[in-house]
Amino acid sequence: MELFADRLYLTTGQELEAIVVPTGLSERVRARLGYLAQPTPAVVDPRNRRWTFLTTPPAPYHDVPQPLQRRLECQGVSLSQPGTRVMLPRSDDSIGWRWACEPAPGQLRLPQRGLVLGAIRLSILEGMDNVPA
C-alpha cells in the first residue's frame, strides 16, 4: 500500500491484479462470486461507472489469452497492466472511491484471477439472455 496525493492505493504486479468491469455487469459478477468463503474486494469509481475487482495472478503466471482479452474489451472489461494504481476508499469519505464489496478484516485474501474471469464470462452470457425484444 502506498500514498499518492493524500490517497491510499495499491499497485498491480506480481501479487495483485485488477479487473475493471462496468457497473451493471459488476453487480452480476458479485452475485455469482457470493459462494466464496471470503468476499471478493471491489472498488467503485467516484462516478459509479466501473468496479475494480482485486485478484491474485495464477501460479505459475500466464497472461490472459489475447482472444479472451478482446472479447472482454467488447463488453467494457479491462485487465490492468502491471504498475497500475488502484485507488482505495477512505473510511471517512462517503464521496469518491468506495467499496462495492469490502475485504474481510485481517490479512487480505484475494480470489484467483481465473475465478473472477469465469464469473465475468458467465455473467456476460447470462446477460445476453435478457436482451429486450
Foldseek 3Di string as FASTA:
>chain_A
DDADPNFDWDFDDQFKWKKKAFQVLVVQLQVVPVVDPWHFKWKAFQVRGIIITMAGADVVHDDDDPVLQVVVVVRVMHIDDGGDIDTADDPVDPGGMDIPIDTDPDDGDHHYPVSSSVSSVVSVVVVVVVDDD
